C-alpha cells in the first residue's frame, strides 16, 4: 500500500508542477486540485441500548487537500484516482448504562461495565487513495463512485468516564465510583489499538460552475471499523462515516 501511494503521489507532483500544468496532457487525462472540509463521526450502525443519550456533538476541524487524475474511457464513462491528505475527527459526550469499557483510574487499569457520563475525542490523519468509476452527465456535472483506501499517519481515541460507577468484571462485580473532578474520574486512551489501514466506499459529484472552478460533494463510508474485528475493549464496531464538501480547480 505504501508503494502504491508513493508512486501515485510522485506522479501527481510531476503533473501538477508549473512546467507541466500548461502543457499538453497525454492520453486525455484530466487533472484537478482540490481542498475541502469534512463533517461526520465514527459510530456504530444504530445506537446501541447501552448508549442512553447523546448529550453533545462538537464539530472538529476536519480538512482535506489533494489532487485527482481522471481518465476518460468514452464520451461519458471514465476512471478517477488521486491522492488526498485528510483528517477526520469527532468530540462527543454520551450517557451510558452498563457500557463495556477499559479505563485507568490513578495507577490502576479497570475493566467492566460503566454507567455514567463518557466524553470521547477521536482524530485520524491519513493519506487516502480513491479509485472511482465516473459518469459525465453534462459538460459541468460528473458523478463518481468506488472504493477508497486510507493509510493512517496519526491516531487519537481518548476520553473520560465520570459521574457514575464501573462494575468491575461482571454486572454484579465490585462497584468503583467515579466522580466529576480530575482525580475522581477515569480516563481511557485506545489510540495504539486503532487500525492503520482503512477501506470504504466513496460516492459523490463534481460540479464545474465557472470555467475551471467547481464544487464537489462526497460521502465516504468506512467498511471496516477503526479497531480490529476481534477487538473487545469497545463492544460495538465503529465505522468512520464522513461527508466532504470541497472546492476544486481543473488544471487540464
C-alpha atoms as a PDB file:
ATOM      1  CA  UNK A   1       0.000   0.000   0.000  1.00  0.00           C
ATOM      2  CA  UNK A   2       2.829   2.417   0.832  1.00  0.00           C
ATOM      3  CA  UNK A   3       4.483   1.727  -2.534  1.00  0.00           C
ATOM      4  CA  UNK A   4       1.228   2.419  -4.385  1.00  0.00           C
ATOM      5  CA  UNK A   5       0.656   5.715  -2.565  1.00  0.00           C
ATOM      6  CA  UNK A   6       4.278   6.797  -3.104  1.00  0.00           C
ATOM      7  CA  UNK A   7       4.089   6.064  -6.843  1.00  0.00           C
ATOM      8  CA  UNK A   8       0.822   7.948  -7.332  1.00  0.00           C
ATOM      9  CA  UNK A   9       1.998  10.881  -5.219  1.00  0.00           C
ATOM     10  CA  UNK A  10       5.151  11.202  -7.350  1.00  0.00           C
ATOM     11  CA  UNK A  11       3.031  11.030 -10.489  1.00  0.00           C
ATOM     12  CA  UNK A  12       0.731  13.795  -9.241  1.00  0.00           C
ATOM     13  CA  UNK A  13       3.625  16.045  -8.249  1.00  0.00           C
ATOM     14  CA  UNK A  14       5.102  15.646 -11.714  1.00  0.00           C
ATOM     15  CA  UNK A  15       1.896  16.642 -13.492  1.00  0.00           C
ATOM     16  CA  UNK A  16       0.966  19.428 -11.089  1.00  0.00           C
ATOM     17  CA  UNK A  17       4.331  21.137 -11.348  1.00  0.00           C
ATOM     18  CA  UNK A  18       4.347  24.561 -13.085  1.00  0.00           C
ATOM     19  CA  UNK A  19       6.293  23.148 -16.033  1.00  0.00           C
ATOM     20  CA  UNK A  20       3.535  20.679 -16.833  1.00  0.00           C
ATOM     21  CA  UNK A  21       0.357  22.490 -15.751  1.00  0.00           C
ATOM     22  CA  UNK A  22       0.103  24.292 -19.066  1.00  0.00           C
ATOM     23  CA  UNK A  23       1.495  21.506 -21.228  1.00  0.00           C
ATOM     24  CA  UNK A  24      -0.451  19.050 -23.329  1.00  0.00           C
ATOM     25  CA  UNK A  25      -1.775  16.296 -21.091  1.00  0.00           C
ATOM     26  CA  UNK A  26      -1.141  12.885 -22.674  1.00  0.00           C
ATOM     27  CA  UNK A  27      -3.903  10.320 -23.034  1.00  0.00           C
ATOM     28  CA  UNK A  28      -6.670  12.845 -22.383  1.00  0.00           C
ATOM     29  CA  UNK A  29      -6.006  12.910 -18.643  1.00  0.00           C
ATOM     30  CA  UNK A  30      -7.978  15.425 -16.567  1.00  0.00           C
ATOM     31  CA  UNK A  31      -6.190  16.930 -13.562  1.00  0.00           C
ATOM     32  CA  UNK A  32      -7.896  18.555 -10.582  1.00  0.00           C
ATOM     33  CA  UNK A  33      -6.527  20.062  -7.380  1.00  0.00           C
ATOM     34  CA  UNK A  34      -8.993  20.261  -4.507  1.00  0.00           C
ATOM     35  CA  UNK A  35      -9.362  21.356  -0.883  1.00  0.00           C
ATOM     36  CA  UNK A  36     -12.356  20.736   1.346  1.00  0.00           C
ATOM     37  CA  UNK A  37     -13.957  20.403   4.760  1.00  0.00           C
ATOM     38  CA  UNK A  38     -15.468  17.248   6.269  1.00  0.00           C
ATOM     39  CA  UNK A  39     -18.100  16.545   8.888  1.00  0.00           C
ATOM     40  CA  UNK A  40     -19.101  13.219  10.387  1.00  0.00           C
ATOM     41  CA  UNK A  41     -18.036  10.748  13.021  1.00  0.00           C
ATOM     42  CA  UNK A  42     -17.024   7.246  13.977  1.00  0.00           C
ATOM     43  CA  UNK A  43     -20.159   5.433  15.041  1.00  0.00           C
ATOM     44  CA  UNK A  44     -21.858   2.028  15.177  1.00  0.00           C
ATOM     45  CA  UNK A  45     -24.632   1.207  12.733  1.00  0.00           C
ATOM     46  CA  UNK A  46     -27.536   2.025  15.017  1.00  0.00           C
ATOM     47  CA  UNK A  47     -27.302   3.403  18.540  1.00  0.00           C
ATOM     48  CA  UNK A  48     -26.782   0.508  20.998  1.00  0.00           C
ATOM     49  CA  UNK A  49     -29.005   0.114  24.044  1.00  0.00           C
ATOM     50  CA  UNK A  50     -26.019   0.794  26.299  1.00  0.00           C
ATOM     51  CA  UNK A  51     -25.880   4.402  24.976  1.00  0.00           C
ATOM     52  CA  UNK A  52     -28.873   6.072  26.640  1.00  0.00           C
ATOM     53  CA  UNK A  53     -28.388   9.550  25.148  1.00  0.00           C
ATOM     54  CA  UNK A  54     -26.043  11.673  23.057  1.00  0.00           C
ATOM     55  CA  UNK A  55     -25.590  14.791  25.164  1.00  0.00           C
ATOM     56  CA  UNK A  56     -23.262  16.796  22.901  1.00  0.00           C
ATOM     57  CA  UNK A  57     -21.615  16.527  19.489  1.00  0.00           C
ATOM     58  CA  UNK A  58     -18.890  19.071  18.737  1.00  0.00           C
ATOM     59  CA  UNK A  59     -17.579  19.806  15.275  1.00  0.00           C
ATOM     60  CA  UNK A  60     -13.822  19.480  14.968  1.00  0.00           C
ATOM     61  CA  UNK A  61     -11.674  20.920  12.163  1.00  0.00           C
ATOM     62  CA  UNK A  62     -11.541  18.178   9.518  1.00  0.00           C
ATOM     63  CA  UNK A  63      -9.832  19.179   6.286  1.00  0.00           C
ATOM     64  CA  UNK A  64      -8.831  17.545   3.031  1.00  0.00           C
ATOM     65  CA  UNK A  65      -6.327  18.601   0.355  1.00  0.00           C
ATOM     66  CA  UNK A  66      -5.274  16.612  -2.665  1.00  0.00           C
ATOM     67  CA  UNK A  67      -5.289  16.076  -6.386  1.00  0.00           C
ATOM     68  CA  UNK A  68      -7.130  13.730  -8.745  1.00  0.00           C
ATOM     69  CA  UNK A  69      -6.357  12.266 -12.134  1.00  0.00           C
ATOM     70  CA  UNK A  70      -9.300  11.398 -14.407  1.00  0.00           C
ATOM     71  CA  UNK A  71      -9.026   9.153 -17.473  1.00  0.00           C
ATOM     72  CA  UNK A  72     -11.964   9.276 -19.936  1.00  0.00           C
ATOM     73  CA  UNK A  73     -12.779   5.856 -21.398  1.00  0.00           C
ATOM     74  CA  UNK A  74     -15.591   7.094 -23.644  1.00  0.00           C
ATOM     75  CA  UNK A  75     -17.715  10.207 -24.137  1.00  0.00           C
ATOM     76  CA  UNK A  76     -19.419   9.594 -20.782  1.00  0.00           C
ATOM     77  CA  UNK A  77     -17.544   6.959 -18.765  1.00  0.00           C
ATOM     78  CA  UNK A  78     -14.141   7.152 -17.163  1.00  0.00           C
ATOM     79  CA  UNK A  79     -11.892   6.357 -14.221  1.00  0.00           C
ATOM     80  CA  UNK A  80     -10.626   8.621 -11.435  1.00  0.00           C
ATOM     81  CA  UNK A  81      -7.904   8.216  -8.851  1.00  0.00           C
ATOM     82  CA  UNK A  82      -5.672  10.533  -6.862  1.00  0.00           C
ATOM     83  CA  UNK A  83      -4.110  11.181  -3.511  1.00  0.00           C
ATOM     84  CA  UNK A  84      -5.716  13.091  -0.628  1.00  0.00           C
ATOM     85  CA  UNK A  85      -4.280  14.083   2.729  1.00  0.00           C
ATOM     86  CA  UNK A  86      -7.066  14.460   5.258  1.00  0.00           C
ATOM     87  CA  UNK A  87      -8.086  14.274   8.874  1.00  0.00           C
ATOM     88  CA  UNK A  88     -11.301  13.007  10.423  1.00  0.00           C
ATOM     89  CA  UNK A  89     -12.242  13.966  13.949  1.00  0.00           C
ATOM     90  CA  UNK A  90     -15.104  13.907  16.439  1.00  0.00           C
ATOM     91  CA  UNK A  91     -15.804  15.042  20.021  1.00  0.00           C
ATOM     92  CA  UNK A  92     -18.912  13.613  21.672  1.00  0.00           C
ATOM     93  CA  UNK A  93     -20.493  13.347  25.138  1.00  0.00           C
ATOM     94  CA  UNK A  94     -22.854  10.463  25.905  1.00  0.00           C
ATOM     95  CA  UNK A  95     -24.699   8.967  28.856  1.00  0.00           C
ATOM     96  CA  UNK A  96     -24.054   5.222  29.083  1.00  0.00           C
ATOM     97  CA  UNK A  97     -25.539   2.352  31.064  1.00  0.00           C
ATOM     98  CA  UNK A  98     -23.669  -0.936  31.511  1.00  0.00           C
ATOM     99  CA  UNK A  99     -21.267   0.010  28.695  1.00  0.00           C
ATOM    100  CA  UNK A 100     -18.195  -2.204  28.467  1.00  0.00           C
ATOM    101  CA  UNK A 101     -15.005  -0.167  28.998  1.00  0.00           C
ATOM    102  CA  UNK A 102     -11.369  -0.456  29.979  1.00  0.00           C
ATOM    103  CA  UNK A 103     -10.227   2.648  31.875  1.00  0.00           C
ATOM    104  CA  UNK A 104      -7.401   3.926  34.005  1.00  0.00           C
ATOM    105  CA  UNK A 105      -8.062   5.392  37.432  1.00  0.00           C
ATOM    106  CA  UNK A 106      -4.947   6.524  39.239  1.00  0.00           C
ATOM    107  CA  UNK A 107      -2.362   3.789  38.742  1.00  0.00           C
ATOM    108  CA  UNK A 108      -4.931   1.031  38.183  1.00  0.00           C
ATOM    109  CA  UNK A 109      -6.395  -0.355  34.956  1.00  0.00           C
ATOM    110  CA  UNK A 110     -10.050  -1.357  35.370  1.00  0.00           C
ATOM    111  CA  UNK A 111     -12.331  -3.291  33.032  1.00  0.00           C
ATOM    112  CA  UNK A 112     -16.048  -3.759  33.374  1.00  0.00           C
ATOM    113  CA  UNK A 113     -19.473  -2.233  32.741  1.00  0.00           C
ATOM    114  CA  UNK A 114     -19.668   1.524  33.178  1.00  0.00           C
ATOM    115  CA  UNK A 115     -22.763   3.612  33.930  1.00  0.00           C
ATOM    116  CA  UNK A 116     -22.414   7.387  33.770  1.00  0.00           C
ATOM    117  CA  UNK A 117     -21.014  10.129  31.516  1.00  0.00           C
ATOM    118  CA  UNK A 118     -18.449   9.490  28.782  1.00  0.00           C
ATOM    119  CA  UNK A 119     -16.519  12.221  26.971  1.00  0.00           C
ATOM    120  CA  UNK A 120     -14.754  10.929  23.864  1.00  0.00           C
ATOM    121  CA  UNK A 121     -12.331  12.594  21.433  1.00  0.00           C
ATOM    122  CA  UNK A 122     -11.075  10.952  18.259  1.00  0.00           C
ATOM    123  CA  UNK A 123      -8.886  12.152  15.394  1.00  0.00           C
ATOM    124  CA  UNK A 124      -7.265  10.424  12.439  1.00  0.00           C
ATOM    125  CA  UNK A 125      -4.763  11.844   9.925  1.00  0.00           C
ATOM    126  CA  UNK A 126      -4.317   9.842   6.746  1.00  0.00           C
ATOM    127  CA  UNK A 127      -3.392   9.558   3.088  1.00  0.00           C
ATOM    128  CA  UNK A 128      -6.385   8.373   1.048  1.00  0.00           C
ATOM    129  CA  UNK A 129      -6.395   6.814  -2.411  1.00  0.00           C
ATOM    130  CA  UNK A 130      -9.806   6.806  -4.169  1.00  0.00           C
ATOM    131  CA  UNK A 131     -10.440   4.531  -7.176  1.00  0.00           C
ATOM    132  CA  UNK A 132     -13.707   5.584  -8.814  1.00  0.00           C
ATOM    133  CA  UNK A 133     -15.767   4.996 -11.912  1.00  0.00           C
ATOM    134  CA  UNK A 134     -17.091   8.279 -13.323  1.00  0.00           C
ATOM    135  CA  UNK A 135     -20.119   9.266 -15.395  1.00  0.00           C
ATOM    136  CA  UNK A 136     -20.071  12.601 -17.249  1.00  0.00           C
ATOM    137  CA  UNK A 137     -23.727  13.646 -17.024  1.00  0.00           C
ATOM    138  CA  UNK A 138     -23.122  17.006 -18.738  1.00  0.00           C
ATOM    139  CA  UNK A 139     -20.268  19.366 -19.545  1.00  0.00           C
ATOM    140  CA  UNK A 140     -20.378  20.615 -15.943  1.00  0.00           C
ATOM    141  CA  UNK A 141     -21.596  17.647 -13.887  1.00  0.00           C
ATOM    142  CA  UNK A 142     -19.591  14.490 -13.107  1.00  0.00           C
ATOM    143  CA  UNK A 143     -20.800  11.590 -10.934  1.00  0.00           C
ATOM    144  CA  UNK A 144     -18.291   9.268  -9.258  1.00  0.00           C
ATOM    145  CA  UNK A 145     -18.328   6.165  -7.081  1.00  0.00           C
ATOM    146  CA  UNK A 146     -15.914   3.461  -5.989  1.00  0.00           C
ATOM    147  CA  UNK A 147     -13.682   2.187  -3.184  1.00  0.00           C
ATOM    148  CA  UNK A 148     -11.097   4.155  -1.249  1.00  0.00           C
ATOM    149  CA  UNK A 149      -8.035   3.045   0.711  1.00  0.00           C
ATOM    150  CA  UNK A 150      -6.534   5.029   3.602  1.00  0.00           C
ATOM    151  CA  UNK A 151      -3.211   4.755   5.412  1.00  0.00           C
ATOM    152  CA  UNK A 152      -3.253   6.462   8.820  1.00  0.00           C
ATOM    153  CA  UNK A 153      -0.258   8.534   9.864  1.00  0.00           C
ATOM    154  CA  UNK A 154      -1.646   9.715  13.233  1.00  0.00           C
ATOM    155  CA  UNK A 155      -4.346   8.306  15.527  1.00  0.00           C
ATOM    156  CA  UNK A 156      -6.222   9.538  18.602  1.00  0.00           C
ATOM    157  CA  UNK A 157      -9.039   7.931  20.593  1.00  0.00           C
ATOM    158  CA  UNK A 158      -9.242   9.034  24.213  1.00  0.00           C
ATOM    159  CA  UNK A 159     -11.619  10.380  26.799  1.00  0.00           C
ATOM    160  CA  UNK A 160     -13.013  10.496  30.319  1.00  0.00           C
ATOM    161  CA  UNK A 161     -15.553   8.390  32.223  1.00  0.00           C
ATOM    162  CA  UNK A 162     -17.195  10.333  35.071  1.00  0.00           C
ATOM    163  CA  UNK A 163     -20.338  10.928  37.135  1.00  0.00           C
ATOM    164  CA  UNK A 164     -21.051   7.247  37.618  1.00  0.00           C
ATOM    165  CA  UNK A 165     -19.595   3.881  38.510  1.00  0.00           C
ATOM    166  CA  UNK A 166     -17.930   0.826  36.992  1.00  0.00           C
ATOM    167  CA  UNK A 167     -18.983  -2.719  37.845  1.00  0.00           C
ATOM    168  CA  UNK A 168     -15.627  -4.444  37.634  1.00  0.00           C
ATOM    169  CA  UNK A 169     -15.554  -7.646  35.590  1.00  0.00           C
ATOM    170  CA  UNK A 170     -19.270  -8.578  35.644  1.00  0.00           C
ATOM    171  CA  UNK A 171     -22.635  -6.797  36.121  1.00  0.00           C
ATOM    172  CA  UNK A 172     -22.507  -7.766  39.804  1.00  0.00           C
ATOM    173  CA  UNK A 173     -18.782  -7.145  40.295  1.00  0.00           C
ATOM    174  CA  UNK A 174     -17.229  -4.645  42.711  1.00  0.00           C
ATOM    175  CA  UNK A 175     -18.626  -1.112  42.281  1.00  0.00           C
ATOM    176  CA  UNK A 176     -15.959   1.507  41.554  1.00  0.00           C
ATOM    177  CA  UNK A 177     -17.259   5.071  41.941  1.00  0.00           C
ATOM    178  CA  UNK A 178     -16.152   7.807  39.536  1.00  0.00           C
ATOM    179  CA  UNK A 179     -16.713  11.498  40.235  1.00  0.00           C
ATOM    180  CA  UNK A 180     -16.876  14.627  38.092  1.00  0.00           C
ATOM    181  CA  UNK A 181     -13.490  16.085  39.034  1.00  0.00           C
ATOM    182  CA  UNK A 182      -9.949  15.330  37.963  1.00  0.00           C
ATOM    183  CA  UNK A 183      -8.579  12.638  40.227  1.00  0.00           C
ATOM    184  CA  UNK A 184     -12.076  11.225  40.753  1.00  0.00           C
ATOM    185  CA  UNK A 185     -12.843  10.302  37.146  1.00  0.00           C
ATOM    186  CA  UNK A 186     -11.233   7.613  34.971  1.00  0.00           C
ATOM    187  CA  UNK A 187      -9.551   8.022  31.578  1.00  0.00           C
ATOM    188  CA  UNK A 188      -9.008   5.869  28.513  1.00  0.00           C
ATOM    189  CA  UNK A 189      -6.596   6.035  25.569  1.00  0.00           C
ATOM    190  CA  UNK A 190      -7.034   3.456  22.797  1.00  0.00           C
ATOM    191  CA  UNK A 191      -5.050   5.129  20.011  1.00  0.00           C
ATOM    192  CA  UNK A 192      -2.401   2.395  19.825  1.00  0.00           C
ATOM    193  CA  UNK A 193      -5.108  -0.214  19.206  1.00  0.00           C
ATOM    194  CA  UNK A 194      -6.617   1.526  16.161  1.00  0.00           C
ATOM    195  CA  UNK A 195      -6.160   0.196  12.631  1.00  0.00           C
ATOM    196  CA  UNK A 196      -3.528   1.840  10.466  1.00  0.00           C
ATOM    197  CA  UNK A 197      -5.305   0.814   7.258  1.00  0.00           C
ATOM    198  CA  UNK A 198      -8.927   1.594   6.380  1.00  0.00           C
ATOM    199  CA  UNK A 199     -11.056   0.899   3.350  1.00  0.00           C
ATOM    200  CA  UNK A 200     -14.515   2.029   2.352  1.00  0.00           C
ATOM    201  CA  UNK A 201     -16.844   3.316  -0.340  1.00  0.00           C
ATOM    202  CA  UNK A 202     -16.977   6.870  -1.690  1.00  0.00           C
ATOM    203  CA  UNK A 203     -19.798   8.334  -3.766  1.00  0.00           C
ATOM    204  CA  UNK A 204     -20.154  11.928  -4.919  1.00  0.00           C
ATOM    205  CA  UNK A 205     -20.292  14.523  -7.656  1.00  0.00           C
ATOM    206  CA  UNK A 206     -18.190  17.304  -9.172  1.00  0.00           C
ATOM    207  CA  UNK A 207     -19.971  20.420 -10.438  1.00  0.00           C
ATOM    208  CA  UNK A 208     -17.851  22.793 -12.514  1.00  0.00           C
ATOM    209  CA  UNK A 209     -19.733  26.063 -12.068  1.00  0.00           C
ATOM    210  CA  UNK A 210     -17.320  28.607 -13.594  1.00  0.00           C
ATOM    211  CA  UNK A 211     -14.549  27.992 -16.107  1.00  0.00           C
ATOM    212  CA  UNK A 212     -12.060  25.752 -14.274  1.00  0.00           C
ATOM    213  CA  UNK A 213     -13.595  26.199 -10.800  1.00  0.00           C
ATOM    214  CA  UNK A 214     -16.030  23.765  -9.246  1.00  0.00           C
ATOM    215  CA  UNK A 215     -17.587  22.298  -6.128  1.00  0.00           C
ATOM    216  CA  UNK A 216     -17.709  18.665  -5.082  1.00  0.00           C
ATOM    217  CA  UNK A 217     -19.729  16.771  -2.508  1.00  0.00           C
ATOM    218  CA  UNK A 218     -18.681  13.301  -1.371  1.00  0.00           C
ATOM    219  CA  UNK A 219     -19.857  10.709   1.144  1.00  0.00           C
ATOM    220  CA  UNK A 220     -17.142   8.388   2.495  1.00  0.00           C
ATOM    221  CA  UNK A 221     -18.411   5.311   4.350  1.00  0.00           C
ATOM    222  CA  UNK A 222     -15.896   3.007   6.030  1.00  0.00           C
ATOM    223  CA  UNK A 223     -16.386  -0.717   5.510  1.00  0.00           C
ATOM    224  CA  UNK A 224     -14.128  -1.824   8.340  1.00  0.00           C
ATOM    225  CA  UNK A 225     -14.180  -0.497  11.885  1.00  0.00           C
ATOM    226  CA  UNK A 226     -11.475   1.762  13.263  1.00  0.00           C
ATOM    227  CA  UNK A 227     -10.480  -1.095  15.608  1.00  0.00           C
ATOM    228  CA  UNK A 228      -9.598  -4.684  14.634  1.00  0.00           C
ATOM    229  CA  UNK A 229     -12.512  -7.080  14.143  1.00  0.00           C
ATOM    230  CA  UNK A 230     -11.746  -9.115  17.278  1.00  0.00           C
ATOM    231  CA  UNK A 231     -11.266  -6.034  19.494  1.00  0.00           C
ATOM    232  CA  UNK A 232     -13.153  -6.451  22.786  1.00  0.00           C
ATOM    233  CA  UNK A 233     -12.439  -3.230  24.694  1.00  0.00           C
ATOM    234  CA  UNK A 234     -15.055  -1.341  22.629  1.00  0.00           C
ATOM    235  CA  UNK A 235     -18.090  -3.579  22.270  1.00  0.00           C
ATOM    236  CA  UNK A 236     -19.508  -2.093  19.038  1.00  0.00           C
ATOM    237  CA  UNK A 237     -17.839  -1.800  15.644  1.00  0.00           C
ATOM    238  CA  UNK A 238     -17.208   1.895  14.987  1.00  0.00           C
ATOM    239  CA  UNK A 239     -17.298   2.910  11.315  1.00  0.00           C
ATOM    240  CA  UNK A 240     -15.853   6.218  10.008  1.00  0.00           C
ATOM    241  CA  UNK A 241     -18.702   7.958   8.143  1.00  0.00           C
ATOM    242  CA  UNK A 242     -17.924  11.434   6.797  1.00  0.00           C
ATOM    243  CA  UNK A 243     -19.244  13.849   4.212  1.00  0.00           C
ATOM    244  CA  UNK A 244     -16.883  16.256   2.449  1.00  0.00           C
ATOM    245  CA  UNK A 245     -17.577  19.484   0.566  1.00  0.00           C
ATOM    246  CA  UNK A 246     -14.627  20.787  -1.426  1.00  0.00           C
ATOM    247  CA  UNK A 247     -13.590  23.403  -3.952  1.00  0.00           C
ATOM    248  CA  UNK A 248     -11.605  22.165  -6.939  1.00  0.00           C
ATOM    249  CA  UNK A 249      -9.640  23.732  -9.765  1.00  0.00           C
ATOM    250  CA  UNK A 250      -9.354  21.850 -13.019  1.00  0.00           C
ATOM    251  CA  UNK A 251      -5.806  22.169 -14.315  1.00  0.00           C
ATOM    252  CA  UNK A 252      -6.452  20.224 -17.546  1.00  0.00           C
END
